[in-house]
Amino acid sequence: MLVLEDVNASYGSVVALWGVSIRVEEGEMVGLIGANGAGKTTVLSTIAGVLRPARGTITFGGESIVGESPEDIVRKGIALVPEGRRIFPGLTVEENLRLGAATRSDRLGIQQGIDEMYQRFPILGERLHSSGGTLSGGEQQQLAIARALMCRPKLLMLDEPSLGLAPKLVGDVFDLVAELQDTGVTILLVEQNVAKTLQIVDRAYLMRTGRIVAEGPAYELREAVDIKSAYLGAE
């Protein structure tokens, strides 16, 4: 479904990604893990069209998306839930959801989609007239995910969905992400919480200073000695 091959990306003269190659197959949940500053968010920005790669290829569904605008990439079926949620705090829950469908023109389908989001995320249905800024952190994360789902993505990219949440809510968010995959959503999950990520993803890539330094099935990475010592608290 999604293939990155030998991708370099830069912010001005600073190279942020070096030869990154990643693939995500339909129906999979793939993790992109590593410490803060490893380049994980830059990978998502490059896929989403916010940052153009300096080298390499990115294909989605067999077609190149390099050089496409972020809006066109959304239309092709890739949605991003950004780090920090970035909902519109002054708009109501329903208004936020409608913005998620900005690339769609089917009014009836949009309303059906909103109703589906209220079924999937009941708290949003209870708060549909509340402004986004009055929601708790966990509720805002649900709203951010629901907003992304409103464009009916083939691939959902999640950037640090557990960031800034209370410990109990972190578990709830990971449960929610796992449930999304069970409904058939293909997911690329970026997280610093390596232990929990490796519990729910099928495969993962470990990044360090802009490079992929390890990859494989989640169960193999959980047992890798260097990953256990550096990220999972094992001796």
Foldseek 3Di string as FASTA:
>chain_A
DKWWAQWWFADVVRIQAGGDIDDFDFLFEEEEEEDPSLRPVVVVCCLLQVTATPDTFIDDPRHTCHPPHSLVSLLVFEFEQDPPRPFQQAAFLQVSLVVLQVSDDPVVLLVVLVVVLCVLVVVCVVRRRHGLNVDDLLVSLSSSVSSPCSSVGQEYEYAASLPPHDPVSSVVVLVSVLVVSVVRRGYYYYHHLLVSVLVRGQKYFYGGRNYTDDIDGSVVLCPDPVCCVPRVVDD
